[in-house]
Amino acid sequence: MSVNWNKVRQPFQQVWNWLTSMRTALILLFILAFAAVPGALLPQRSLNKDKVDQYLAANGKTAEIMDKLQLFDVFSSVWFVAIVALLLISLVGCIIPRTIDHYKAMKTPPAKAPKRLARLPLHDEAVVDASADEVSKRVRERLNKWALTETPADEDRAGARSFSAEKGYLREFGNLVFHLGIALLIIIVGLGRMIYYEGQVILLTNTGTEISDDNVNSAVGVPFCNTAAANYDSLRAGNTFDGTTLNPFCIQVDDFFADYLPNGQAKMFTSHIRFAEEEDMRKPVDEWEKTTLQVNHPLRVAGDRVYLQGHGFAPAFKVTWPNGESRTSIVQFRPDDPTFFLSSGALRFDPPAGMYPDLFERRQNQIAIEGLFAPTAEFTGEKGALLQSSYPAMQDPAVAVDIYRGDAGLDTGRSQGLFSLDRDLMHSGQLAKEARVNLKEGESTELADGTKIEFLGAKEFVNLQVSHDPTQFWVLVATVAALAGMVMSLGIKRRRVWVRMFPLEDGRTRVEFGGLARTDKAGWGEEFQYIVDDILERDSDDEDSEGNDAAKDDTSDKDSTDSKTKS
């Protein structure tokens, strides 16, 4: 039994023809834009996992269903990637055959003149006092930039010498460039997502409270070096990134300044930094190159871009135990209010070595602090106990904190939240609250066993983002190419002109013109008339004047006829 392969291949051919049609490409492009909407409206794990967790906790079953539909991972979801893949296949399937057809069309001479030019949308004719050879010369001069072919009388459909001219091939070329740019953009962005990395790091500055304590646990003035993935506070990277392809360089933040309007709105963030590339990293920091970072003005170093994304405050606390030993710690707080920078965070202190020889007893006497920080304090509510911030600059810093004693989780082996304490330790009684106080800079409180907690003030920190994407330039090239192609396809008209010459017995020539726009003919009528007037050496103003005079003569004749009728 023989197999009819044509019937087997037919449904696949139909599917392929449908997928590679321009209509399908436009539909897929619309679907892709619609599918990206949830990614703009809902929090995404790739950008902020904490917000996704908060959304899941606040919306219950609905959020769980949305999570199963991958609405919190839109741009890496199976269905979004499938749409992009289909769109890419559709575009490539459209581009290749259309490119071949366009190349053939450019190599094909313009079509011969129709037999009856008067049937075309644009038509004109006139008798000129010139021979057919002289008119032919005018045609060649006027249409020298067009694709022009001449047809002798014995080959012409009407039996007269004729010319065929065509222009506007760049319209289809621009259309192809547009679709090619879109296809390349998808490919380049996909490749870039595989090899990119993007890291966040928080660096403390010397701006803020001066802290003279030698026994301080902070990172003030410590450079950041892009030499290991572990140096980042958070890092996102493509599937091919293994942590060994970082471009080495170091950065140290000297200071940070923010300009604010009277209402507290930020005008500009500025940070002065020092940086060194691989060959200068061994030099002293004072010899590193200096530069200024501002919002939307990144530092480009070693093939990476360093952005100043934001800033915040890092309160400093000093804990003095009954035996007189002390520890000072500076930890960044999270800005919960982006306008006035009311921030929240937590600190943990381990007792001095030797104070509690028993390991279990030492764990039960760890100190933990959790609360709010305001750069410019304002106390409201009953008895003025509620802390708020009235201005984003650090003018009158204060904190409202809860102080805990017990197992703060420093020795559990589990990762601890940077901005909050472990609630499980509180609920189990391992971490017990001992005090709730409001402290201004320089103020302190004392616990029942004589342990002293002092608020020293705060330092400012900056949030830097290091971005590496070698495909960024090619994304720009593909985008510009797509836009240029779209402008060409919209601005250029594909049009044809035919000129046929009939020699007369008196030596003159009757010239007949026909014009046809293969696409939109808007604006083409005026250009056609200019071509006709140039070849005929006819002044359009004179023609209009003659037409008006003829109209006047017709009116006069009509008036005379009316007068005779009345008589």
Protein backbone atom coordinates (compact mmCIF):
# COMPACT_ATOMS: atom_id res chain seq x y z
CA MET A 1 0.00 0.00 0.00
CA SER A 2 1.56 3.25 -1.16
CA VAL A 3 1.42 6.34 0.99
CA ASN A 4 0.19 9.56 -0.54
CA TRP A 5 2.78 11.91 0.91
CA ASN A 6 1.06 14.94 -0.55
CA LYS A 7 -1.98 14.33 1.66
CA VAL A 8 0.25 13.71 4.68
CA ARG A 9 2.19 16.90 4.04
CA GLN A 10 -0.84 19.05 3.28
CA PRO A 11 -2.01 19.81 6.86
CA PHE A 12 1.55 20.64 7.93
CA GLN A 13 1.91 22.90 4.92
CA GLN A 14 -1.35 24.66 5.80
CA VAL A 15 -0.18 25.20 9.39
CA TRP A 16 3.15 26.53 8.15
CA ASN A 17 1.48 28.88 5.66
CA TRP A 18 -0.79 30.19 8.41
CA LEU A 19 2.09 30.64 10.87
CA THR A 20 4.29 32.50 8.38
CA SER A 21 1.60 34.87 7.14
CA MET A 22 1.85 38.56 7.98
CA ARG A 23 -1.60 38.50 9.56
CA THR A 24 -0.47 35.81 12.01
CA ALA A 25 2.68 37.80 12.85
CA LEU A 26 0.56 40.85 13.68
CA ILE A 27 -1.82 38.76 15.79
CA LEU A 28 1.09 37.22 17.72
CA LEU A 29 2.61 40.67 18.24
CA PHE A 30 -0.68 41.89 19.70
CA ILE A 31 -0.95 38.80 21.93
CA LEU A 32 2.62 39.34 23.13
CA ALA A 33 1.83 42.94 24.11
CA PHE A 34 -1.32 41.80 25.91
CA ALA A 35 0.57 38.99 27.68
CA ALA A 36 3.12 41.47 29.02
CA VAL A 37 0.43 43.46 30.87
CA PRO A 38 0.44 41.23 34.01
CA GLY A 39 4.19 41.69 34.20
CA ALA A 40 3.68 45.44 34.47
CA LEU A 41 0.77 45.33 36.93
CA LEU A 42 1.83 42.50 39.27
CA PRO A 43 5.06 42.18 41.31
CA GLN A 44 7.63 39.91 39.70
CA ARG A 45 9.93 37.52 41.55
CA SER A 46 12.87 38.46 39.37
CA LEU A 47 12.58 42.07 40.57
CA ASN A 48 11.26 41.88 44.13
CA LYS A 49 10.61 38.51 45.75
CA ASP A 50 9.50 40.13 49.04
CA LYS A 51 6.64 41.98 47.34
CA VAL A 52 5.50 38.75 45.70
CA ASP A 53 5.47 37.01 49.10
CA GLN A 54 3.47 39.89 50.58
CA TYR A 55 0.98 39.73 47.70
CA LEU A 56 0.57 35.97 48.17
CA ALA A 57 -0.02 36.39 51.91
CA ALA A 58 -2.57 39.18 51.38
CA ASN A 59 -4.65 37.61 48.59
CA GLY A 60 -4.98 33.98 49.62
CA LYS A 61 -6.38 31.46 47.14
CA THR A 62 -6.64 33.95 44.28
CA ALA A 63 -2.93 34.71 44.51
CA GLU A 64 -2.12 30.98 44.64
CA ILE A 65 -4.01 30.42 41.38
CA MET A 66 -2.21 33.39 39.83
CA ASP A 67 1.09 31.92 40.98
CA LYS A 68 0.29 28.58 39.34
CA LEU A 69 -0.42 30.50 36.14
CA GLN A 70 3.08 32.00 36.45
CA LEU A 71 1.72 35.55 36.62
CA PHE A 72 4.50 36.48 39.07
CA ASP A 73 7.13 35.18 36.63
CA VAL A 74 5.58 36.46 33.42
CA PHE A 75 8.68 37.04 31.30
CA SER A 76 10.18 33.64 32.10
CA SER A 77 6.89 31.71 32.00
CA VAL A 78 6.32 28.84 29.59
CA TRP A 79 3.43 30.53 27.82
CA PHE A 80 5.24 33.87 27.34
CA VAL A 81 8.35 32.16 25.96
CA ALA A 82 6.10 30.10 23.64
CA ILE A 83 4.48 33.26 22.26
CA VAL A 84 7.90 34.84 21.67
CA ALA A 85 9.14 31.67 19.91
CA LEU A 86 6.07 31.53 17.65
CA LEU A 87 6.42 35.22 16.83
CA LEU A 88 10.08 34.73 15.94
CA ILE A 89 9.29 31.75 13.68
CA SER A 90 6.46 33.71 12.06
CA LEU A 91 8.66 36.73 11.38
CA VAL A 92 11.49 34.65 9.93
CA GLY A 93 9.00 32.72 7.81
CA CYS A 94 7.63 36.01 6.49
CA ILE A 95 10.97 37.69 5.91
CA ILE A 96 12.81 35.02 3.90
CA PRO A 97 10.29 34.48 1.05
CA ARG A 98 9.44 38.19 0.89
CA THR A 99 13.13 39.05 0.64
CA ILE A 100 13.52 36.65 -2.27
CA ASP A 101 10.44 38.09 -3.99
CA HIS A 102 11.65 41.64 -3.44
CA TYR A 103 15.06 40.84 -4.93
CA LYS A 104 13.37 39.34 -8.00
CA ALA A 105 11.09 42.38 -8.31
CA MET A 106 14.10 44.75 -8.26
CA LYS A 107 15.74 42.76 -11.03
CA THR A 108 12.56 42.63 -13.15
CA PRO A 109 12.07 45.56 -15.60
CA PRO A 110 8.95 47.67 -15.11
CA ALA A 111 5.82 46.32 -16.76
CA LYS A 112 5.01 47.45 -20.27
CA ALA A 113 2.44 50.17 -20.74
CA PRO A 114 -1.21 49.07 -20.83
CA LYS A 115 -3.02 49.44 -24.13
CA ARG A 116 -5.46 52.06 -22.80
CA LEU A 117 -3.71 54.49 -20.44
CA ALA A 118 -6.92 56.48 -20.09
CA ARG A 119 -8.33 53.76 -17.81
CA LEU A 120 -5.64 54.30 -15.16
CA PRO A 121 -6.40 56.36 -12.02
CA LEU A 122 -4.05 59.11 -13.22
CA HIS A 123 -4.07 60.09 -16.89
CA ASP A 124 -3.10 63.03 -19.04
CA GLU A 125 -2.35 63.70 -22.69
CA ALA A 126 -1.34 66.60 -24.90
CA VAL A 127 0.06 67.49 -28.32
CA VAL A 128 3.50 69.11 -28.28
CA ASP A 129 5.48 70.91 -30.92
CA ALA A 130 8.33 68.41 -30.76
CA SER A 131 9.33 65.20 -32.42
CA ALA A 132 9.04 61.82 -30.73
CA ASP A 133 12.83 61.64 -30.36
CA GLU A 134 12.91 64.99 -28.55
CA VAL A 135 10.09 63.90 -26.20
CA SER A 136 11.96 60.65 -25.56
CA LYS A 137 15.02 62.66 -24.53
CA ARG A 138 12.90 64.69 -22.10
CA VAL A 139 11.47 61.48 -20.61
CA ARG A 140 14.94 60.02 -20.04
CA GLU A 141 16.17 63.24 -18.41
CA ARG A 142 13.13 63.63 -16.17
CA LEU A 143 12.93 59.97 -15.09
CA ASN A 144 16.65 59.22 -14.93
CA LYS A 145 16.42 58.29 -11.23
CA TRP A 146 13.57 55.85 -11.86
CA ALA A 147 13.79 52.27 -13.03
CA LEU A 148 13.19 53.06 -16.69
CA THR A 149 12.73 50.86 -19.75
CA GLU A 150 11.85 51.75 -23.34
CA THR A 151 9.53 49.67 -25.51
CA PRO A 152 9.77 50.03 -29.31
CA ALA A 153 6.61 50.51 -31.33
CA ASP A 154 6.56 46.99 -32.71
CA GLU A 155 6.49 45.54 -29.16
CA ASP A 156 4.08 48.02 -27.62
CA ARG A 157 0.45 47.02 -27.07
CA ALA A 158 -0.82 50.18 -28.78
CA GLY A 159 1.76 50.17 -31.59
CA ALA A 160 3.68 53.28 -30.46
CA ARG A 161 6.97 53.95 -28.73
CA SER A 162 6.52 53.94 -24.95
CA PHE A 163 8.41 54.19 -21.65
CA SER A 164 7.77 52.35 -18.40
CA ALA A 165 9.15 53.80 -15.14
CA GLU A 166 8.85 52.60 -11.58
CA LYS A 167 10.02 54.02 -8.26
CA GLY A 168 9.59 53.27 -4.54
CA TYR A 169 11.34 49.91 -4.19
CA LEU A 170 12.64 51.10 -0.83
CA ARG A 171 9.13 50.86 0.60
CA GLU A 172 9.21 47.07 0.57
CA PHE A 173 12.87 47.14 1.59
CA GLY A 174 11.97 49.26 4.63
CA ASN A 175 9.16 46.87 5.48
CA LEU A 176 11.61 43.96 5.41
CA VAL A 177 14.14 45.88 7.51
CA PHE A 178 11.44 46.61 10.08
CA HIS A 179 10.49 42.96 10.47
CA LEU A 180 14.13 41.90 10.42
CA GLY A 181 14.86 44.42 13.19
CA ILE A 182 12.03 43.03 15.31
CA ALA A 183 13.28 39.47 14.79
CA LEU A 184 16.87 40.42 15.63
CA LEU A 185 15.65 42.32 18.69
CA ILE A 186 13.93 39.20 20.02
CA ILE A 187 17.02 37.07 19.36
CA ILE A 188 19.45 39.57 20.90
CA VAL A 189 17.31 40.15 24.00
CA GLY A 190 16.98 36.39 24.48
CA LEU A 191 20.75 35.96 24.13
CA GLY A 192 21.35 38.84 26.52
CA ARG A 193 19.12 37.26 29.17
CA MET A 194 21.36 34.18 29.05
CA ILE A 195 24.69 35.93 29.62
CA TYR A 196 23.80 39.00 31.70
CA TYR A 197 24.28 39.63 35.40
CA GLU A 198 22.84 42.39 37.56
CA GLY A 199 23.82 42.86 41.19
CA GLN A 200 22.81 45.14 44.03
CA VAL A 201 25.19 46.27 46.77
CA ILE A 202 24.75 48.66 49.69
CA LEU A 203 27.79 50.72 50.73
CA LEU A 204 28.04 52.93 53.80
CA THR A 205 29.39 56.44 53.30
CA ASN A 206 31.26 58.80 55.59
CA THR A 207 28.28 61.16 55.48
CA GLY A 208 26.37 61.43 58.77
CA THR A 209 27.22 61.03 62.43
CA GLU A 210 30.88 60.85 63.38
CA ILE A 211 31.50 57.67 65.37
CA SER A 212 34.77 57.53 67.27
CA ASP A 213 34.31 54.14 68.92
CA ASP A 214 37.21 51.85 67.98
CA ASN A 215 35.17 48.70 68.64
CA VAL A 216 32.69 49.25 65.83
CA ASN A 217 31.23 46.59 63.58
CA SER A 218 30.55 48.39 60.28
CA ALA A 219 31.61 48.62 56.68
CA VAL A 220 32.18 52.40 56.57
CA GLY A 221 34.80 53.20 53.94
CA VAL A 222 35.22 49.58 52.82
CA PRO A 223 35.48 49.28 49.00
CA PHE A 224 33.30 46.98 46.95
CA CYS A 225 35.15 44.79 44.47
CA ASN A 226 33.46 43.06 41.56
CA THR A 227 35.56 39.92 41.93
CA ALA A 228 33.10 37.41 43.43
CA ALA A 229 29.37 36.87 43.33
CA ALA A 230 29.38 36.63 47.15
CA ASN A 231 30.33 40.32 47.37
CA TYR A 232 26.83 41.34 46.25
CA ASP A 233 23.85 41.75 48.57
CA SER A 234 21.66 40.35 45.79
CA LEU A 235 22.48 39.06 42.33
CA ARG A 236 20.44 38.07 39.28
CA ALA A 237 22.08 36.40 36.31
CA GLY A 238 21.41 34.43 33.14
CA ASN A 239 21.51 30.67 32.80
CA THR A 240 25.06 30.64 31.44
CA PHE A 241 26.49 32.77 34.27
CA ASP A 242 28.64 30.71 36.67
CA GLY A 243 30.18 33.51 38.74
CA THR A 244 33.61 33.30 37.10
CA THR A 245 33.02 35.82 34.31
CA LEU A 246 32.81 38.98 36.43
CA ASN A 247 34.70 41.98 35.07
CA PRO A 248 37.10 42.94 37.90
CA PHE A 249 36.99 46.47 39.31
CA CYS A 250 36.64 48.13 42.73
CA ILE A 251 34.57 51.07 43.97
CA GLN A 252 34.73 53.10 47.17
CA VAL A 253 32.02 55.59 48.09
CA ASP A 254 33.37 58.78 49.66
CA ASP A 255 30.15 60.66 50.35
CA PHE A 256 26.54 61.19 49.36
CA PHE A 257 24.42 64.32 49.02
CA ALA A 258 20.73 64.75 48.27
CA ASP A 259 18.96 67.91 47.13
CA TYR A 260 15.37 68.32 48.33
CA LEU A 261 12.54 70.72 47.68
CA PRO A 262 10.88 72.38 50.70
CA ASN A 263 8.09 69.78 50.60
CA GLY A 264 10.63 66.95 50.89
CA GLN A 265 10.60 65.87 47.25
CA ALA A 266 14.03 64.81 46.04
CA LYS A 267 15.62 66.80 43.20
CA MET A 268 18.91 64.98 42.72
CA PHE A 269 21.10 62.37 44.38
CA THR A 270 24.87 62.80 44.06
CA SER A 271 27.67 60.54 45.27
CA HIS A 272 31.43 61.05 44.93
CA ILE A 273 33.25 57.78 44.44
CA ARG A 274 36.66 56.34 43.62
CA PHE A 275 37.13 53.41 41.28
CA ALA A 276 39.92 51.27 39.90
CA GLU A 277 40.01 48.73 37.09
CA GLU A 278 41.93 45.48 37.26
CA GLU A 279 45.38 46.95 36.56
CA ASP A 280 44.97 49.66 39.24
CA MET A 281 43.24 47.66 41.98
CA ARG A 282 46.53 47.09 43.88
CA LYS A 283 47.21 50.81 44.12
CA PRO A 284 46.31 52.71 47.34
CA VAL A 285 42.71 53.93 47.39
CA ASP A 286 43.90 57.56 47.40
CA GLU A 287 45.38 56.98 43.92
CA TRP A 288 42.16 55.59 42.43
CA GLU A 289 40.33 57.64 39.82
CA LYS A 290 37.59 59.94 41.12
CA THR A 291 34.18 60.48 39.57
CA THR A 292 30.63 61.56 40.43
CA LEU A 293 27.58 59.34 40.27
CA GLN A 294 24.09 60.74 39.76
CA VAL A 295 20.72 59.23 38.99
CA ASN A 296 20.57 58.19 35.30
CA HIS A 297 24.27 59.04 34.90
CA PRO A 298 26.02 55.69 35.40
CA LEU A 299 29.71 54.95 35.60
CA ARG A 300 30.89 52.75 32.73
CA VAL A 301 33.87 50.72 33.85
CA ALA A 302 35.40 47.42 32.65
CA GLY A 303 32.45 46.80 30.34
CA ASP A 304 29.87 47.16 33.15
CA ARG A 305 27.58 49.98 34.17
CA VAL A 306 27.32 51.18 37.78
CA TYR A 307 24.08 53.00 38.64
CA LEU A 308 23.24 55.07 41.70
CA GLN A 309 19.80 53.69 42.47
CA GLY A 310 18.98 55.17 45.85
CA HIS A 311 20.08 55.81 49.38
CA GLY A 312 19.02 55.36 52.97
CA PHE A 313 20.23 55.50 56.56
CA ALA A 314 22.14 53.13 58.80
CA PRO A 315 21.54 53.82 62.53
CA ALA A 316 24.44 53.20 64.93
CA PHE A 317 23.84 51.58 68.34
CA LYS A 318 26.30 50.96 71.16
CA VAL A 319 25.62 48.20 73.70
CA THR A 320 27.58 48.32 76.97
CA TRP A 321 27.38 45.25 79.20
CA PRO A 322 27.54 45.37 83.00
CA ASN A 323 31.24 44.44 82.97
CA GLY A 324 32.01 47.60 80.97
CA GLU A 325 32.70 45.95 77.61
CA SER A 326 30.87 47.38 74.63
CA ARG A 327 30.03 46.71 71.02
CA THR A 328 29.00 49.25 68.36
CA SER A 329 27.15 48.26 65.22
CA ILE A 330 25.93 50.18 62.17
CA VAL A 331 23.34 48.41 60.00
CA GLN A 332 21.31 49.83 57.12
CA PHE A 333 17.55 50.18 57.64
CA ARG A 334 15.01 49.70 54.84
CA PRO A 335 13.30 52.96 53.70
CA ASP A 336 9.60 52.12 54.05
CA ASP A 337 8.56 55.69 53.22
CA PRO A 338 10.29 56.78 49.98
CA THR A 339 9.39 60.44 50.60
CA PHE A 340 10.42 61.11 54.21
CA PHE A 341 12.54 57.97 54.70
CA LEU A 342 10.92 56.52 57.78
CA SER A 343 12.91 53.28 57.85
CA SER A 344 12.78 49.92 59.61
CA GLY A 345 15.46 47.41 60.49
CA ALA A 346 17.08 45.19 63.08
CA LEU A 347 20.45 44.67 64.79
CA ARG A 348 21.88 41.73 66.73
CA PHE A 349 24.66 41.75 69.34
CA ASP A 350 26.64 38.83 70.74
CA PRO A 351 27.94 39.21 74.34
CA PRO A 352 31.72 39.69 74.73
CA ALA A 353 33.86 36.59 74.75
CA GLY A 354 34.42 35.25 78.26
CA MET A 355 31.46 37.04 79.81
CA TYR A 356 29.36 33.87 79.63
CA PRO A 357 31.66 30.80 79.51
CA ASP A 358 28.71 28.48 79.00
CA LEU A 359 27.64 28.46 75.37
CA PHE A 360 23.94 27.99 76.19
CA GLU A 361 24.01 30.86 78.69
CA ARG A 362 25.73 33.10 76.15
CA ARG A 363 23.02 32.38 73.60
CA GLN A 364 20.34 33.31 76.12
CA ASN A 365 21.93 36.75 76.63
CA GLN A 366 22.23 37.97 73.10
CA ILE A 367 20.77 41.44 72.48
CA ALA A 368 18.49 42.21 69.54
CA ILE A 369 17.07 45.60 68.51
CA GLU A 370 14.20 46.11 66.07
CA GLY A 371 12.30 49.26 65.22
CA LEU A 372 12.00 52.47 63.21
CA PHE A 373 14.39 55.26 62.32
CA ALA A 374 13.40 58.82 61.32
CA PRO A 375 16.00 61.23 59.88
CA THR A 376 13.93 64.20 61.05
CA ALA A 377 11.84 63.02 63.99
CA GLU A 378 8.28 64.05 64.76
CA PHE A 379 6.45 62.41 67.66
CA THR A 380 2.65 62.24 67.48
CA GLY A 381 -0.18 60.27 69.05
CA GLU A 382 -0.99 59.88 72.73
CA LYS A 383 1.82 61.18 74.95
CA GLY A 384 3.90 61.77 71.82
CA ALA A 385 4.94 58.14 71.59
CA LEU A 386 4.42 57.55 67.87
CA LEU A 387 7.51 58.26 65.76
CA GLN A 388 7.17 59.75 62.30
CA SER A 389 9.54 61.48 59.88
CA SER A 390 8.77 65.02 58.73
CA TYR A 391 11.69 65.52 56.31
CA PRO A 392 13.97 63.16 54.34
CA ALA A 393 17.28 64.86 55.26
CA MET A 394 18.95 63.97 58.54
CA GLN A 395 18.24 67.03 60.70
CA ASP A 396 16.98 65.52 63.99
CA PRO A 397 17.42 61.72 63.92
CA ALA A 398 15.56 59.47 66.34
CA VAL A 399 14.56 55.83 66.72
CA ALA A 400 11.60 53.94 68.18
CA VAL A 401 12.86 50.44 69.01
CA ASP A 402 12.00 47.24 70.83
CA ILE A 403 14.90 45.68 72.72
CA TYR A 404 15.03 41.89 73.10
CA ARG A 405 17.19 39.51 75.08
CA GLY A 406 17.66 35.82 74.36
CA ASP A 407 18.58 33.72 71.36
CA ALA A 408 18.73 36.20 68.46
CA GLY A 409 19.47 33.45 65.92
CA LEU A 410 23.16 34.22 65.49
CA ASP A 411 24.17 30.60 66.18
CA THR A 412 21.26 28.72 64.59
CA GLY A 413 22.97 28.22 61.25
CA ARG A 414 19.91 29.63 59.45
CA SER A 415 19.98 32.83 57.45
CA GLN A 416 18.44 35.79 59.24
CA GLY A 417 16.40 38.62 57.78
CA LEU A 418 18.36 41.84 57.40
CA PHE A 419 15.47 44.14 58.30
CA SER A 420 13.49 42.08 60.84
CA LEU A 421 13.98 39.55 63.62
CA ASP A 422 12.93 35.92 63.45
CA ARG A 423 9.29 35.75 64.57
CA ASP A 424 9.58 32.03 65.34
CA LEU A 425 12.15 32.79 68.05
CA MET A 426 9.76 35.31 69.57
CA HIS A 427 6.75 32.99 69.51
CA SER A 428 8.76 30.16 71.12
CA GLY A 429 9.94 32.42 73.94
CA GLN A 430 13.60 32.13 73.00
CA LEU A 431 13.70 35.88 72.34
CA ALA A 432 11.89 38.02 74.93
CA LYS A 433 11.13 41.73 74.76
CA GLU A 434 12.71 43.75 77.60
CA ALA A 435 12.00 47.37 76.64
CA ARG A 436 10.32 49.67 74.14
CA VAL A 437 11.85 53.15 73.96
CA ASN A 438 12.15 56.25 71.82
CA LEU A 439 15.68 57.61 71.59
CA LYS A 440 17.16 60.68 70.00
CA GLU A 441 20.79 60.99 68.96
CA GLY A 442 23.02 60.60 72.02
CA GLU A 443 20.26 59.25 74.30
CA SER A 444 20.38 55.81 75.95
CA THR A 445 18.34 53.39 78.02
CA GLU A 446 19.34 50.80 80.62
CA LEU A 447 17.99 47.27 80.97
CA ALA A 448 17.21 45.51 84.24
CA ASP A 449 20.63 43.84 84.47
CA GLY A 450 22.50 47.09 83.85
CA THR A 451 23.09 46.64 80.10
CA LYS A 452 23.11 50.07 78.44
CA ILE A 453 21.72 50.69 74.92
CA GLU A 454 22.78 53.98 73.34
CA PHE A 455 21.67 55.49 70.02
CA LEU A 456 24.73 57.20 68.54
CA GLY A 457 23.17 58.61 65.36
CA ALA A 458 23.26 57.36 61.78
CA LYS A 459 25.34 57.11 58.64
CA GLU A 460 23.99 57.34 55.10
CA PHE A 461 24.30 54.50 52.62
CA VAL A 462 23.98 54.29 48.85
CA ASN A 463 22.46 51.49 46.82
CA LEU A 464 24.53 50.71 43.72
CA GLN A 465 23.50 48.47 40.86
CA VAL A 466 26.13 46.83 38.66
CA SER A 467 24.76 45.75 35.27
CA HIS A 468 26.54 43.64 32.66
CA ASP A 469 24.92 43.08 29.28
CA PRO A 470 27.23 43.01 26.25
CA THR A 471 24.23 42.86 23.91
CA GLN A 472 23.01 46.32 24.88
CA PHE A 473 24.65 48.01 21.87
CA TRP A 474 23.17 45.48 19.45
CA VAL A 475 19.73 45.97 20.99
CA LEU A 476 20.09 49.65 20.14
CA VAL A 477 21.19 48.81 16.58
CA ALA A 478 18.22 46.46 16.05
CA THR A 479 15.81 49.02 17.49
CA VAL A 480 17.12 51.84 15.31
CA ALA A 481 16.99 49.57 12.25
CA ALA A 482 13.38 48.61 12.99
CA LEU A 483 12.35 52.26 13.44
CA ALA A 484 14.20 53.33 10.28
CA GLY A 485 12.54 50.53 8.34
CA MET A 486 9.11 51.51 9.62
CA VAL A 487 9.67 55.17 8.63
CA MET A 488 10.78 54.08 5.15
CA SER A 489 7.79 51.79 4.67
CA LEU A 490 5.36 54.50 5.76
CA GLY A 491 6.99 57.45 4.00
CA ILE A 492 7.84 55.98 0.60
CA LYS A 493 5.21 55.25 -2.07
CA ARG A 494 5.57 52.59 -4.74
CA ARG A 495 4.45 54.17 -8.04
CA ARG A 496 4.57 53.64 -11.79
CA VAL A 497 4.50 56.00 -14.77
CA TRP A 498 3.95 55.17 -18.44
CA VAL A 499 4.56 57.53 -21.34
CA ARG A 500 3.44 56.73 -24.91
CA MET A 501 4.24 58.89 -27.96
CA PHE A 502 2.22 59.02 -31.20
CA PRO A 503 4.04 60.93 -34.01
CA LEU A 504 1.70 63.17 -36.06
CA GLU A 505 1.95 64.00 -39.78
CA ASP A 506 2.70 67.67 -39.13
CA GLY A 507 5.86 66.79 -37.14
CA ARG A 508 4.24 67.21 -33.76
CA THR A 509 3.73 64.41 -31.21
CA ARG A 510 0.74 63.36 -29.17
CA VAL A 511 2.00 62.30 -25.74
CA GLU A 512 -0.13 60.15 -23.47
CA PHE A 513 0.61 59.59 -19.76
CA GLY A 514 -0.63 57.09 -17.21
CA GLY A 515 0.14 56.82 -13.49
CA LEU A 516 -0.54 54.13 -10.94
CA ALA A 517 0.34 53.86 -7.25
CA ARG A 518 0.84 50.25 -6.16
CA THR A 519 -0.01 51.19 -2.56
CA ASP A 520 -1.55 54.32 -1.10
CA LYS A 521 -1.81 57.04 -3.72
CA ALA A 522 -2.09 59.97 -1.26
CA GLY A 523 0.11 62.82 -2.54
CA TRP A 524 1.01 60.93 -5.70
CA GLY A 525 -1.35 62.93 -7.92
CA GLU A 526 0.63 66.16 -7.53
CA GLU A 527 3.93 64.42 -8.22
CA PHE A 528 2.43 62.81 -11.34
CA GLN A 529 1.29 66.21 -12.59
CA TYR A 530 4.75 67.69 -12.01
CA ILE A 531 6.27 64.90 -14.12
CA VAL A 532 3.77 65.52 -16.92
CA ASP A 533 4.36 69.28 -16.87
CA ASP A 534 8.16 68.84 -16.93
CA ILE A 535 8.08 66.47 -19.92
CA LEU A 536 5.61 68.64 -21.81
CA GLU A 537 7.49 71.79 -20.74
CA ARG A 538 4.16 73.15 -19.65
CA ASP A 539 3.71 75.76 -16.97
CA SER A 540 0.96 74.62 -14.60
CA ASP A 541 0.04 78.24 -13.78
CA ASP A 542 -0.42 79.02 -17.45
CA GLU A 543 -2.52 75.90 -17.82
CA ASP A 544 -4.74 76.97 -14.95
CA SER A 545 -5.04 80.43 -16.46
CA GLU A 546 -6.00 78.99 -19.84
CA GLY A 547 -8.52 76.77 -18.14
CA ASN A 548 -10.02 79.76 -16.33
CA ASP A 549 -10.18 81.77 -19.55
CA ALA A 550 -11.89 78.85 -21.22
CA ALA A 551 -14.37 78.70 -18.38
CA LYS A 552 -15.03 82.42 -18.77
CA ASP A 553 -15.61 81.98 -22.51
CA ASP A 554 -18.01 79.17 -21.80
CA THR A 555 -19.84 81.38 -19.33
CA SER A 556 -20.05 84.23 -21.83
CA ASP A 557 -21.41 81.92 -24.52
CA LYS A 558 -23.95 80.61 -22.04
CA ASP A 559 -25.04 84.15 -21.10
CA SER A 560 -25.46 85.05 -24.78
CA THR A 561 -27.52 81.96 -25.39
CA ASP A 562 -29.73 82.80 -22.39
CA SER A 563 -30.25 86.34 -23.69
CA LYS A 564 -31.31 85.06 -27.12
CA THR A 565 -33.67 82.62 -25.50
CA LYS A 566 -35.33 85.42 -23.52
CA SER A 567 -35.67 87.57 -26.65
